[in-house]
C-alpha atoms as a PDB file:
ATOM      1  CA  MET A   1      -5.798  70.639  12.229  1.00  0.00           C
ATOM      2  CA  LEU A   2      -7.099  67.896  14.445  1.00  0.00           C
ATOM      3  CA  LEU A   3     -10.610  66.641  13.837  1.00  0.00           C
ATOM      4  CA  LYS A   4     -12.672  64.276  15.929  1.00  0.00           C
ATOM      5  CA  ASN A   5     -15.775  62.200  15.296  1.00  0.00           C
ATOM      6  CA  LEU A   6     -18.698  61.642  17.624  1.00  0.00           C
ATOM      7  CA  GLU A   7     -20.863  58.543  17.667  1.00  0.00           C
ATOM      8  CA  PHE A   8     -23.981  58.106  19.798  1.00  0.00           C
ATOM      9  CA  ARG A   9     -27.408  56.497  19.914  1.00  0.00           C
ATOM     10  CA  THR A  10     -30.646  58.464  19.827  1.00  0.00           C
ATOM     11  CA  ASN A  11     -33.603  57.883  22.160  1.00  0.00           C
ATOM     12  CA  VAL A  12     -35.021  55.478  19.580  1.00  0.00           C
ATOM     13  CA  GLY A  13     -31.764  53.514  19.519  1.00  0.00           C
ATOM     14  CA  GLN A  14     -30.545  54.606  16.089  1.00  0.00           C
ATOM     15  CA  LYS A  15     -26.784  55.016  15.763  1.00  0.00           C
ATOM     16  CA  VAL A  16     -25.692  58.491  14.572  1.00  0.00           C
ATOM     17  CA  LYS A  17     -22.184  59.610  13.610  1.00  0.00           C
ATOM     18  CA  ILE A  18     -20.981  63.226  13.375  1.00  0.00           C
ATOM     19  CA  LEU A  19     -17.782  63.771  11.406  1.00  0.00           C
ATOM     20  CA  ASP A  20     -15.232  66.596  11.111  1.00  0.00           C
ATOM     21  CA  ILE A  21     -15.539  68.229  14.530  1.00  0.00           C
ATOM     22  CA  PRO A  22     -12.546  70.569  14.958  1.00  0.00           C
ATOM     23  CA  VAL A  23     -10.409  70.334  18.090  1.00  0.00           C
ATOM     24  CA  LEU A  24      -9.531  73.847  19.240  1.00  0.00           C
ATOM     25  CA  GLU A  25      -7.489  74.990  22.214  1.00  0.00           C
ATOM     26  CA  GLU A  26      -9.447  76.605  25.045  1.00  0.00           C
ATOM     27  CA  ASP A  27      -7.666  79.934  24.563  1.00  0.00           C
ATOM     28  CA  ASN A  28      -8.749  80.083  20.903  1.00  0.00           C
ATOM     29  CA  PRO A  29     -11.300  82.899  20.422  1.00  0.00           C
ATOM     30  CA  LEU A  30     -13.567  80.589  18.376  1.00  0.00           C
ATOM     31  CA  PHE A  31     -13.563  77.774  20.968  1.00  0.00           C
ATOM     32  CA  PHE A  32     -16.807  78.904  22.619  1.00  0.00           C
ATOM     33  CA  LYS A  33     -18.577  79.484  19.295  1.00  0.00           C
ATOM     34  CA  VAL A  34     -17.695  76.001  17.985  1.00  0.00           C
ATOM     35  CA  ASN A  35     -18.800  74.324  21.222  1.00  0.00           C
ATOM     36  CA  ALA A  36     -22.074  76.258  21.285  1.00  0.00           C
ATOM     37  CA  ARG A  37     -22.773  75.367  17.634  1.00  0.00           C
ATOM     38  CA  LEU A  38     -21.988  71.723  18.350  1.00  0.00           C
ATOM     39  CA  GLN A  39     -24.489  71.676  21.219  1.00  0.00           C
ATOM     40  CA  LEU A  40     -27.139  73.283  19.009  1.00  0.00           C
ATOM     41  CA  PHE A  41     -26.406  70.789  16.237  1.00  0.00           C
ATOM     42  CA  LEU A  42     -26.703  67.847  18.635  1.00  0.00           C
ATOM     43  CA  SER A  43     -29.997  69.114  20.051  1.00  0.00           C
ATOM     44  CA  GLN A  44     -31.382  69.515  16.523  1.00  0.00           C
ATOM     45  CA  ILE A  45     -30.441  65.927  15.709  1.00  0.00           C
ATOM     46  CA  HIS A  46     -31.964  64.620  18.966  1.00  0.00           C
ATOM     47  CA  HIS A  47     -35.287  66.333  18.233  1.00  0.00           C
ATOM     48  CA  GLN A  48     -35.612  64.825  14.743  1.00  0.00           C
ATOM     49  CA  SER A  49     -37.992  61.877  14.469  1.00  0.00           C
ATOM     50  CA  SER A  50     -35.783  59.953  12.046  1.00  0.00           C
ATOM     51  CA  PRO A  51     -32.249  61.390  11.831  1.00  0.00           C
ATOM     52  CA  LYS A  52     -29.737  60.425   9.167  1.00  0.00           C
ATOM     53  CA  LYS A  53     -26.952  58.008  10.081  1.00  0.00           C
ATOM     54  CA  VAL A  54     -24.023  60.321   9.258  1.00  0.00           C
ATOM     55  CA  TYR A  55     -23.687  64.110   9.552  1.00  0.00           C
ATOM     56  CA  SER A  56     -20.817  66.432   8.712  1.00  0.00           C
ATOM     57  CA  PHE A  57     -20.240  69.168  11.272  1.00  0.00           C
ATOM     58  CA  ARG A  58     -17.989  70.920   8.748  1.00  0.00           C
ATOM     59  CA  GLU A  59     -20.896  71.245   6.282  1.00  0.00           C
ATOM     60  CA  TYR A  60     -23.162  72.508   9.069  1.00  0.00           C
ATOM     61  CA  LEU A  61     -20.651  75.195  10.057  1.00  0.00           C
ATOM     62  CA  LYS A  62     -20.301  76.204   6.408  1.00  0.00           C
ATOM     63  CA  LYS A  63     -24.011  77.029   6.394  1.00  0.00           C
ATOM     64  CA  VAL A  64     -24.296  78.867   9.723  1.00  0.00           C
ATOM     65  CA  LEU A  65     -21.009  80.773  10.159  1.00  0.00           C
ATOM     66  CA  LYS A  66     -19.500  83.684   8.334  1.00  0.00           C
ATOM     67  CA  TRP A  67     -16.962  82.547   5.765  1.00  0.00           C
ATOM     68  CA  THR A  68     -14.055  84.279   7.532  1.00  0.00           C
ATOM     69  CA  GLU A  69     -14.844  82.468  10.801  1.00  0.00           C
ATOM     70  CA  TYR A  70     -15.179  79.166   8.953  1.00  0.00           C
ATOM     71  CA  GLU A  71     -11.757  79.661   7.330  1.00  0.00           C
ATOM     72  CA  GLN A  72     -10.182  80.483  10.708  1.00  0.00           C
ATOM     73  CA  ILE A  73     -11.551  77.268  12.199  1.00  0.00           C
ATOM     74  CA  TYR A  74     -10.636  74.953   9.325  1.00  0.00           C
ATOM     75  CA  GLN A  75      -7.449  76.700   8.244  1.00  0.00           C
ATOM     76  CA  VAL A  76      -4.996  74.448   6.483  1.00  0.00           C
ATOM     77  CA  ASN A  77      -1.466  74.756   7.737  1.00  0.00           C
ATOM     78  CA  VAL A  78       0.704  74.493   4.644  1.00  0.00           C
ATOM     79  CA  LEU A  79       3.988  72.819   5.423  1.00  0.00           C
ATOM     80  CA  LYS A  80       7.049  74.345   3.837  1.00  0.00           C
ATOM     81  CA  ASN A  81       8.892  71.925   1.513  1.00  0.00           C
ATOM     82  CA  ASN A  82       6.420  69.157   2.448  1.00  0.00           C
ATOM     83  CA  ALA A  83       8.118  68.753   5.825  1.00  0.00           C
END
């Protein structure tokens, strides 16, 4: 599972960091849902008067998605024999 982080400045000039954004392939059925949720999350942060400095997108998705969808997105690929 590849994860990316996003760092930007708000209109006020405050630096905000979003952690644990999953990188999905475009043919993944959850690709659109994750991108739409990310856009909603970013717009919520932009409209706050004093946002926090660090957010976890993983925690946000835990709250808003069904558990089965969340597990499909953040599935852990177990390597056989630690290879």
